[in-house]
């Protein structure tokens, strides 16, 4: 993860130096909503256990700081996300159950924005805050069985839907996330299904949904007049 972030920052620095572009900054408030959950091959392999067919929803909110030059940029985002996965039980006397979790997520995304649209790609670090297992009306805290730090890849694209003067814009897009790491600790074999029903498999969270952003331009480094030193200029 650290190597990937370093490579991303180094690539952007080289491009900026080579092209000698003016650096400009923006900030925004963001919210996202869509299908969330996790996929575990152990659930699929176990007789009578399935991921619930009806997609469960997740949502999150947060903010961003953008560092940009020309059409390229780095978007640093902090989100508080809530997700849920339902497990269906079909051939025993047990009822189905669910996992519900909350996480503080940090994104470092390369963004290319051109012609009022954008494309983004990069990593996410997810810091688990809470994990509950819900069976009927009972809720149990199972956070100790799950990893506190997890990593995911993020892909997104979208377009401006209001404002285009650089000082303010409303942006709507699609975002897809998939966890590269197992959210269940390696020495735990009773989540997300009871022990002994299937071999140990990874459990990978995902998200696919809409993301909306209210974005404000902050300013840029440039020359106020010919021959003057570069300085920060507010939009």
C-alpha atoms as a PDB file:
ATOM      1  CA  UNK A   1       0.000   0.000   0.000  1.00  0.00           C
ATOM      2  CA  UNK A   2       2.793   2.433   0.957  1.00  0.00           C
ATOM      3  CA  UNK A   3       4.754   1.548  -2.193  1.00  0.00           C
ATOM      4  CA  UNK A   4       1.665   2.093  -4.372  1.00  0.00           C
ATOM      5  CA  UNK A   5       0.992   5.502  -2.818  1.00  0.00           C
ATOM      6  CA  UNK A   6       4.656   6.495  -3.185  1.00  0.00           C
ATOM      7  CA  UNK A   7       4.679   5.508  -6.866  1.00  0.00           C
ATOM      8  CA  UNK A   8       1.469   7.490  -7.446  1.00  0.00           C
ATOM      9  CA  UNK A   9       2.882  10.619  -5.780  1.00  0.00           C
ATOM     10  CA  UNK A  10       6.225  10.275  -7.583  1.00  0.00           C
ATOM     11  CA  UNK A  11       4.516   9.930 -10.970  1.00  0.00           C
ATOM     12  CA  UNK A  12       2.455  13.049 -10.324  1.00  0.00           C
ATOM     13  CA  UNK A  13       5.499  15.035  -9.185  1.00  0.00           C
ATOM     14  CA  UNK A  14       7.470  14.056 -12.311  1.00  0.00           C
ATOM     15  CA  UNK A  15       4.581  15.021 -14.569  1.00  0.00           C
ATOM     16  CA  UNK A  16       4.132  18.332 -12.796  1.00  0.00           C
ATOM     17  CA  UNK A  17       7.825  19.219 -13.049  1.00  0.00           C
ATOM     18  CA  UNK A  18       8.091  18.159 -16.688  1.00  0.00           C
ATOM     19  CA  UNK A  19       5.025  20.080 -17.797  1.00  0.00           C
ATOM     20  CA  UNK A  20       5.538  23.092 -15.486  1.00  0.00           C
ATOM     21  CA  UNK A  21       1.821  23.376 -14.903  1.00  0.00           C
ATOM     22  CA  UNK A  22       0.182  25.722 -12.429  1.00  0.00           C
ATOM     23  CA  UNK A  23      -0.970  23.842  -9.330  1.00  0.00           C
ATOM     24  CA  UNK A  24      -4.529  24.519  -8.139  1.00  0.00           C
ATOM     25  CA  UNK A  25      -6.508  23.239  -5.167  1.00  0.00           C
ATOM     26  CA  UNK A  26     -10.117  22.377  -4.501  1.00  0.00           C
ATOM     27  CA  UNK A  27     -12.133  20.928  -1.630  1.00  0.00           C
ATOM     28  CA  UNK A  28     -15.486  19.254  -1.394  1.00  0.00           C
ATOM     29  CA  UNK A  29     -18.173  17.534   0.640  1.00  0.00           C
ATOM     30  CA  UNK A  30     -19.162  14.060  -0.531  1.00  0.00           C
ATOM     31  CA  UNK A  31     -21.790  11.398   0.047  1.00  0.00           C
ATOM     32  CA  UNK A  32     -22.214   7.948  -1.469  1.00  0.00           C
ATOM     33  CA  UNK A  33     -24.943   5.316  -1.499  1.00  0.00           C
ATOM     34  CA  UNK A  34     -25.207   1.939  -3.157  1.00  0.00           C
ATOM     35  CA  UNK A  35     -24.853  -1.821  -2.903  1.00  0.00           C
ATOM     36  CA  UNK A  36     -22.427  -2.975  -0.220  1.00  0.00           C
ATOM     37  CA  UNK A  37     -21.423  -6.183   1.485  1.00  0.00           C
ATOM     38  CA  UNK A  38     -18.759  -8.847   1.247  1.00  0.00           C
ATOM     39  CA  UNK A  39     -18.060 -11.957  -0.786  1.00  0.00           C
ATOM     40  CA  UNK A  40     -16.745 -15.170   0.774  1.00  0.00           C
ATOM     41  CA  UNK A  41     -16.194 -18.368  -1.172  1.00  0.00           C
ATOM     42  CA  UNK A  42     -16.710 -20.236   2.117  1.00  0.00           C
ATOM     43  CA  UNK A  43     -20.334 -19.070   2.149  1.00  0.00           C
ATOM     44  CA  UNK A  44     -20.862 -20.315  -1.396  1.00  0.00           C
ATOM     45  CA  UNK A  45     -19.155 -23.654  -0.664  1.00  0.00           C
ATOM     46  CA  UNK A  46     -21.142 -24.388   2.482  1.00  0.00           C
ATOM     47  CA  UNK A  47     -24.358 -26.334   1.917  1.00  0.00           C
ATOM     48  CA  UNK A  48     -27.389 -24.294   2.910  1.00  0.00           C
ATOM     49  CA  UNK A  49     -25.584 -20.955   3.239  1.00  0.00           C
ATOM     50  CA  UNK A  50     -25.686 -18.189   0.633  1.00  0.00           C
ATOM     51  CA  UNK A  51     -25.049 -14.499   0.290  1.00  0.00           C
ATOM     52  CA  UNK A  52     -28.483 -12.893   0.443  1.00  0.00           C
ATOM     53  CA  UNK A  53     -29.670 -12.370  -3.145  1.00  0.00           C
ATOM     54  CA  UNK A  54     -31.220  -8.981  -2.448  1.00  0.00           C
ATOM     55  CA  UNK A  55     -28.351  -6.516  -2.506  1.00  0.00           C
ATOM     56  CA  UNK A  56     -27.853  -4.782   0.815  1.00  0.00           C
ATOM     57  CA  UNK A  57     -27.217  -1.065   0.822  1.00  0.00           C
ATOM     58  CA  UNK A  58     -24.411   0.981   2.279  1.00  0.00           C
ATOM     59  CA  UNK A  59     -23.767   4.679   2.603  1.00  0.00           C
ATOM     60  CA  UNK A  60     -21.077   7.088   3.628  1.00  0.00           C
ATOM     61  CA  UNK A  61     -20.180  10.750   3.895  1.00  0.00           C
ATOM     62  CA  UNK A  62     -16.986  12.739   4.083  1.00  0.00           C
ATOM     63  CA  UNK A  63     -14.796  15.345   2.467  1.00  0.00           C
ATOM     64  CA  UNK A  64     -11.925  15.739  -0.007  1.00  0.00           C
ATOM     65  CA  UNK A  65      -8.930  17.881  -0.808  1.00  0.00           C
ATOM     66  CA  UNK A  66      -7.780  18.000  -4.415  1.00  0.00           C
ATOM     67  CA  UNK A  67      -4.279  18.877  -5.650  1.00  0.00           C
ATOM     68  CA  UNK A  68      -4.452  19.429  -9.409  1.00  0.00           C
ATOM     69  CA  UNK A  69      -2.556  20.504 -12.503  1.00  0.00           C
ATOM     70  CA  UNK A  70      -4.161  20.860 -15.906  1.00  0.00           C
ATOM     71  CA  UNK A  71      -6.515  17.846 -16.194  1.00  0.00           C
ATOM     72  CA  UNK A  72      -4.710  15.631 -13.658  1.00  0.00           C
ATOM     73  CA  UNK A  73      -4.892  15.556  -9.891  1.00  0.00           C
ATOM     74  CA  UNK A  74      -4.672  13.723  -6.591  1.00  0.00           C
ATOM     75  CA  UNK A  75      -7.865  13.501  -4.558  1.00  0.00           C
ATOM     76  CA  UNK A  76      -7.342  12.863  -0.829  1.00  0.00           C
ATOM     77  CA  UNK A  77     -10.621  11.832   0.797  1.00  0.00           C
ATOM     78  CA  UNK A  78     -11.812  10.862   4.267  1.00  0.00           C
ATOM     79  CA  UNK A  79     -15.120   8.992   4.607  1.00  0.00           C
ATOM     80  CA  UNK A  80     -17.216   7.422   7.345  1.00  0.00           C
ATOM     81  CA  UNK A  81     -18.901   4.421   5.727  1.00  0.00           C
ATOM     82  CA  UNK A  82     -21.546   1.967   6.909  1.00  0.00           C
ATOM     83  CA  UNK A  83     -22.041  -1.437   5.227  1.00  0.00           C
ATOM     84  CA  UNK A  84     -24.083  -4.601   5.688  1.00  0.00           C
ATOM     85  CA  UNK A  85     -24.147  -8.175   4.423  1.00  0.00           C
ATOM     86  CA  UNK A  86     -27.037 -10.613   4.901  1.00  0.00           C
ATOM     87  CA  UNK A  87     -26.425 -14.381   5.020  1.00  0.00           C
ATOM     88  CA  UNK A  88     -29.249 -16.673   3.931  1.00  0.00           C
ATOM     89  CA  UNK A  89     -29.669 -20.075   5.656  1.00  0.00           C
ATOM     90  CA  UNK A  90     -31.805 -22.527   3.658  1.00  0.00           C
ATOM     91  CA  UNK A  91     -31.508 -26.097   4.928  1.00  0.00           C
ATOM     92  CA  UNK A  92     -31.337 -25.936   8.728  1.00  0.00           C
ATOM     93  CA  UNK A  93     -33.542 -24.725  11.508  1.00  0.00           C
ATOM     94  CA  UNK A  94     -31.411 -21.603  11.878  1.00  0.00           C
ATOM     95  CA  UNK A  95     -32.604 -18.223  10.807  1.00  0.00           C
ATOM     96  CA  UNK A  96     -30.543 -16.027   8.532  1.00  0.00           C
ATOM     97  CA  UNK A  97     -28.163 -13.501  10.012  1.00  0.00           C
ATOM     98  CA  UNK A  98     -26.309 -10.345   9.019  1.00  0.00           C
ATOM     99  CA  UNK A  99     -23.050  -8.499   9.526  1.00  0.00           C
ATOM    100  CA  UNK A 100     -23.127  -4.742   9.895  1.00  0.00           C
ATOM    101  CA  UNK A 101     -19.978  -2.662  10.120  1.00  0.00           C
ATOM    102  CA  UNK A 102     -18.736   0.918  10.201  1.00  0.00           C
ATOM    103  CA  UNK A 103     -15.328   2.125   9.060  1.00  0.00           C
ATOM    104  CA  UNK A 104     -13.287   5.295   8.689  1.00  0.00           C
ATOM    105  CA  UNK A 105     -11.893   5.176   5.151  1.00  0.00           C
ATOM    106  CA  UNK A 106      -8.987   7.099   3.630  1.00  0.00           C
ATOM    107  CA  UNK A 107      -8.735   7.391  -0.175  1.00  0.00           C
ATOM    108  CA  UNK A 108      -5.778   8.534  -2.308  1.00  0.00           C
ATOM    109  CA  UNK A 109      -7.090   8.650  -5.872  1.00  0.00           C
ATOM    110  CA  UNK A 110      -5.561   9.746  -9.138  1.00  0.00           C
ATOM    111  CA  UNK A 111      -8.183  11.806 -10.963  1.00  0.00           C
ATOM    112  CA  UNK A 112      -8.309  12.894 -14.584  1.00  0.00           C
ATOM    113  CA  UNK A 113     -10.982  15.528 -15.234  1.00  0.00           C
ATOM    114  CA  UNK A 114     -11.695  16.760 -18.745  1.00  0.00           C
ATOM    115  CA  UNK A 115     -14.716  18.009 -20.719  1.00  0.00           C
ATOM    116  CA  UNK A 116     -16.790  18.239 -17.513  1.00  0.00           C
ATOM    117  CA  UNK A 117     -16.247  14.532 -16.779  1.00  0.00           C
ATOM    118  CA  UNK A 118     -13.774  12.643 -14.623  1.00  0.00           C
ATOM    119  CA  UNK A 119     -12.086   9.274 -14.154  1.00  0.00           C
ATOM    120  CA  UNK A 120     -10.500   8.173 -10.858  1.00  0.00           C
ATOM    121  CA  UNK A 121      -8.395   5.223  -9.739  1.00  0.00           C
ATOM    122  CA  UNK A 122      -6.442   4.388  -6.599  1.00  0.00           C
ATOM    123  CA  UNK A 123      -6.226   2.693  -3.189  1.00  0.00           C
ATOM    124  CA  UNK A 124      -8.323   2.927  -0.039  1.00  0.00           C
ATOM    125  CA  UNK A 125      -7.311   2.209   3.553  1.00  0.00           C
ATOM    126  CA  UNK A 126     -10.255   1.136   5.713  1.00  0.00           C
ATOM    127  CA  UNK A 127     -10.042   1.439   9.505  1.00  0.00           C
ATOM    128  CA  UNK A 128     -12.715  -0.736  11.098  1.00  0.00           C
ATOM    129  CA  UNK A 129     -14.665   1.053  13.835  1.00  0.00           C
ATOM    130  CA  UNK A 130     -17.472  -1.405  14.598  1.00  0.00           C
ATOM    131  CA  UNK A 131     -18.585  -4.880  13.504  1.00  0.00           C
ATOM    132  CA  UNK A 132     -21.824  -6.504  14.693  1.00  0.00           C
ATOM    133  CA  UNK A 133     -23.418  -9.851  13.933  1.00  0.00           C
ATOM    134  CA  UNK A 134     -27.199  -9.605  13.925  1.00  0.00           C
ATOM    135  CA  UNK A 135     -29.400 -12.670  14.450  1.00  0.00           C
ATOM    136  CA  UNK A 136     -33.104 -11.895  14.734  1.00  0.00           C
ATOM    137  CA  UNK A 137     -33.385  -9.166  17.349  1.00  0.00           C
ATOM    138  CA  UNK A 138     -29.983  -9.935  18.885  1.00  0.00           C
ATOM    139  CA  UNK A 139     -26.878  -7.931  18.074  1.00  0.00           C
ATOM    140  CA  UNK A 140     -23.417  -9.194  19.081  1.00  0.00           C
ATOM    141  CA  UNK A 141     -20.138  -7.273  18.910  1.00  0.00           C
ATOM    142  CA  UNK A 142     -17.700  -9.445  16.912  1.00  0.00           C
ATOM    143  CA  UNK A 143     -15.096  -6.784  16.069  1.00  0.00           C
ATOM    144  CA  UNK A 144     -12.295  -8.748  17.777  1.00  0.00           C
ATOM    145  CA  UNK A 145     -12.592 -11.440  15.074  1.00  0.00           C
ATOM    146  CA  UNK A 146     -11.998  -8.950  12.247  1.00  0.00           C
ATOM    147  CA  UNK A 147      -8.939  -7.036  11.080  1.00  0.00           C
ATOM    148  CA  UNK A 148      -8.792  -3.402  12.123  1.00  0.00           C
ATOM    149  CA  UNK A 149      -6.995  -2.269   8.929  1.00  0.00           C
ATOM    150  CA  UNK A 150      -8.000  -3.362   5.438  1.00  0.00           C
ATOM    151  CA  UNK A 151      -7.113  -2.305   1.894  1.00  0.00           C
ATOM    152  CA  UNK A 152      -9.178  -1.942  -1.269  1.00  0.00           C
ATOM    153  CA  UNK A 153      -8.958  -0.747  -4.857  1.00  0.00           C
ATOM    154  CA  UNK A 154     -11.246   2.010  -6.134  1.00  0.00           C
ATOM    155  CA  UNK A 155     -12.470   2.850  -9.637  1.00  0.00           C
ATOM    156  CA  UNK A 156     -14.876   5.661 -10.483  1.00  0.00           C
ATOM    157  CA  UNK A 157     -16.126   8.026 -13.159  1.00  0.00           C
ATOM    158  CA  UNK A 158     -18.770  10.702 -13.539  1.00  0.00           C
ATOM    159  CA  UNK A 159     -19.560  14.236 -14.685  1.00  0.00           C
ATOM    160  CA  UNK A 160     -20.359  17.765 -13.544  1.00  0.00           C
ATOM    161  CA  UNK A 161     -24.095  18.284 -13.294  1.00  0.00           C
ATOM    162  CA  UNK A 162     -24.042  21.911 -12.164  1.00  0.00           C
ATOM    163  CA  UNK A 163     -21.542  24.743 -12.234  1.00  0.00           C
ATOM    164  CA  UNK A 164     -18.455  24.761 -14.452  1.00  0.00           C
ATOM    165  CA  UNK A 165     -16.524  27.942 -13.690  1.00  0.00           C
ATOM    166  CA  UNK A 166     -13.943  26.314 -11.417  1.00  0.00           C
ATOM    167  CA  UNK A 167     -15.141  28.027  -8.243  1.00  0.00           C
ATOM    168  CA  UNK A 168     -18.115  25.728  -7.557  1.00  0.00           C
ATOM    169  CA  UNK A 169     -19.525  22.553  -9.066  1.00  0.00           C
ATOM    170  CA  UNK A 170     -21.848  19.662  -8.320  1.00  0.00           C
ATOM    171  CA  UNK A 171     -20.494  16.299  -9.468  1.00  0.00           C
ATOM    172  CA  UNK A 172     -22.337  12.985  -9.779  1.00  0.00           C
ATOM    173  CA  UNK A 173     -20.548   9.714 -10.443  1.00  0.00           C
ATOM    174  CA  UNK A 174     -20.304   5.972 -10.030  1.00  0.00           C
ATOM    175  CA  UNK A 175     -17.771   4.361  -7.699  1.00  0.00           C
ATOM    176  CA  UNK A 176     -16.694   0.722  -7.411  1.00  0.00           C
ATOM    177  CA  UNK A 177     -14.597  -0.655  -4.544  1.00  0.00           C
ATOM    178  CA  UNK A 178     -13.296  -4.149  -3.850  1.00  0.00           C
ATOM    179  CA  UNK A 179     -11.234  -5.280  -0.873  1.00  0.00           C
ATOM    180  CA  UNK A 180      -7.872  -6.890  -1.606  1.00  0.00           C
ATOM    181  CA  UNK A 181      -7.381  -8.152   1.951  1.00  0.00           C
ATOM    182  CA  UNK A 182      -9.329 -10.585   4.118  1.00  0.00           C
ATOM    183  CA  UNK A 183     -11.393  -8.680   6.679  1.00  0.00           C
ATOM    184  CA  UNK A 184     -11.576 -11.768   8.930  1.00  0.00           C
ATOM    185  CA  UNK A 185      -8.484 -12.551  11.034  1.00  0.00           C
ATOM    186  CA  UNK A 186      -6.513 -15.545   9.775  1.00  0.00           C
ATOM    187  CA  UNK A 187      -6.898 -17.525  13.019  1.00  0.00           C
ATOM    188  CA  UNK A 188     -10.708 -17.166  12.997  1.00  0.00           C
ATOM    189  CA  UNK A 189     -12.788 -19.832  11.240  1.00  0.00           C
ATOM    190  CA  UNK A 190     -16.275 -19.198  12.617  1.00  0.00           C
ATOM    191  CA  UNK A 191     -17.022 -16.076  10.553  1.00  0.00           C
ATOM    192  CA  UNK A 192     -18.861 -15.547   8.274  1.00  0.00           C
ATOM    193  CA  UNK A 193     -20.198 -19.136   8.635  1.00  0.00           C
ATOM    194  CA  UNK A 194     -20.012 -21.594  11.558  1.00  0.00           C
ATOM    195  CA  UNK A 195     -16.706 -23.469  11.852  1.00  0.00           C
ATOM    196  CA  UNK A 196     -16.352 -26.758  10.022  1.00  0.00           C
ATOM    197  CA  UNK A 197     -18.908 -26.133   7.270  1.00  0.00           C
ATOM    198  CA  UNK A 198     -16.343 -25.215   4.610  1.00  0.00           C
ATOM    199  CA  UNK A 199     -12.625 -24.645   4.192  1.00  0.00           C
ATOM    200  CA  UNK A 200     -11.029 -21.370   5.273  1.00  0.00           C
ATOM    201  CA  UNK A 201     -11.574 -18.738   2.556  1.00  0.00           C
ATOM    202  CA  UNK A 202     -11.041 -14.986   2.374  1.00  0.00           C
ATOM    203  CA  UNK A 203     -13.864 -12.535   2.997  1.00  0.00           C
ATOM    204  CA  UNK A 204     -13.639  -9.470   0.743  1.00  0.00           C
ATOM    205  CA  UNK A 205     -15.858  -6.378   1.112  1.00  0.00           C
ATOM    206  CA  UNK A 206     -17.209  -4.447  -1.862  1.00  0.00           C
ATOM    207  CA  UNK A 207     -19.178  -1.321  -2.720  1.00  0.00           C
ATOM    208  CA  UNK A 208     -20.817  -0.197  -5.957  1.00  0.00           C
ATOM    209  CA  UNK A 209     -22.963   2.906  -6.076  1.00  0.00           C
ATOM    210  CA  UNK A 210     -23.505   6.589  -6.634  1.00  0.00           C
ATOM    211  CA  UNK A 211     -21.256   9.302  -5.242  1.00  0.00           C
ATOM    212  CA  UNK A 212     -22.238  12.983  -5.135  1.00  0.00           C
ATOM    213  CA  UNK A 213     -19.824  15.826  -4.538  1.00  0.00           C
ATOM    214  CA  UNK A 214     -20.201  19.537  -3.847  1.00  0.00           C
ATOM    215  CA  UNK A 215     -16.873  20.994  -4.855  1.00  0.00           C
ATOM    216  CA  UNK A 216     -15.309  24.433  -4.289  1.00  0.00           C
ATOM    217  CA  UNK A 217     -12.173  25.831  -5.901  1.00  0.00           C
ATOM    218  CA  UNK A 218      -9.737  27.184  -3.289  1.00  0.00           C
ATOM    219  CA  UNK A 219      -6.987  28.800  -5.319  1.00  0.00           C
ATOM    220  CA  UNK A 220      -3.791  28.246  -7.278  1.00  0.00           C
ATOM    221  CA  UNK A 221      -0.127  29.110  -7.432  1.00  0.00           C
ATOM    222  CA  UNK A 222       0.558  31.667 -10.149  1.00  0.00           C
ATOM    223  CA  UNK A 223       1.864  35.133 -10.965  1.00  0.00           C
ATOM    224  CA  UNK A 224      -0.374  38.091 -10.214  1.00  0.00           C
ATOM    225  CA  UNK A 225       1.521  40.191 -12.771  1.00  0.00           C
ATOM    226  CA  UNK A 226       4.315  39.772 -15.299  1.00  0.00           C
ATOM    227  CA  UNK A 227       7.723  39.315 -13.694  1.00  0.00           C
ATOM    228  CA  UNK A 228       6.372  38.795 -10.180  1.00  0.00           C
ATOM    229  CA  UNK A 229       7.133  35.779  -8.036  1.00  0.00           C
ATOM    230  CA  UNK A 230       4.657  32.917  -8.002  1.00  0.00           C
ATOM    231  CA  UNK A 231       2.263  33.089  -5.076  1.00  0.00           C
ATOM    232  CA  UNK A 232      -0.985  31.582  -3.905  1.00  0.00           C
ATOM    233  CA  UNK A 233      -4.015  33.302  -5.473  1.00  0.00           C
ATOM    234  CA  UNK A 234      -7.560  32.686  -4.262  1.00  0.00           C
ATOM    235  CA  UNK A 235     -10.283  31.968  -6.798  1.00  0.00           C
END
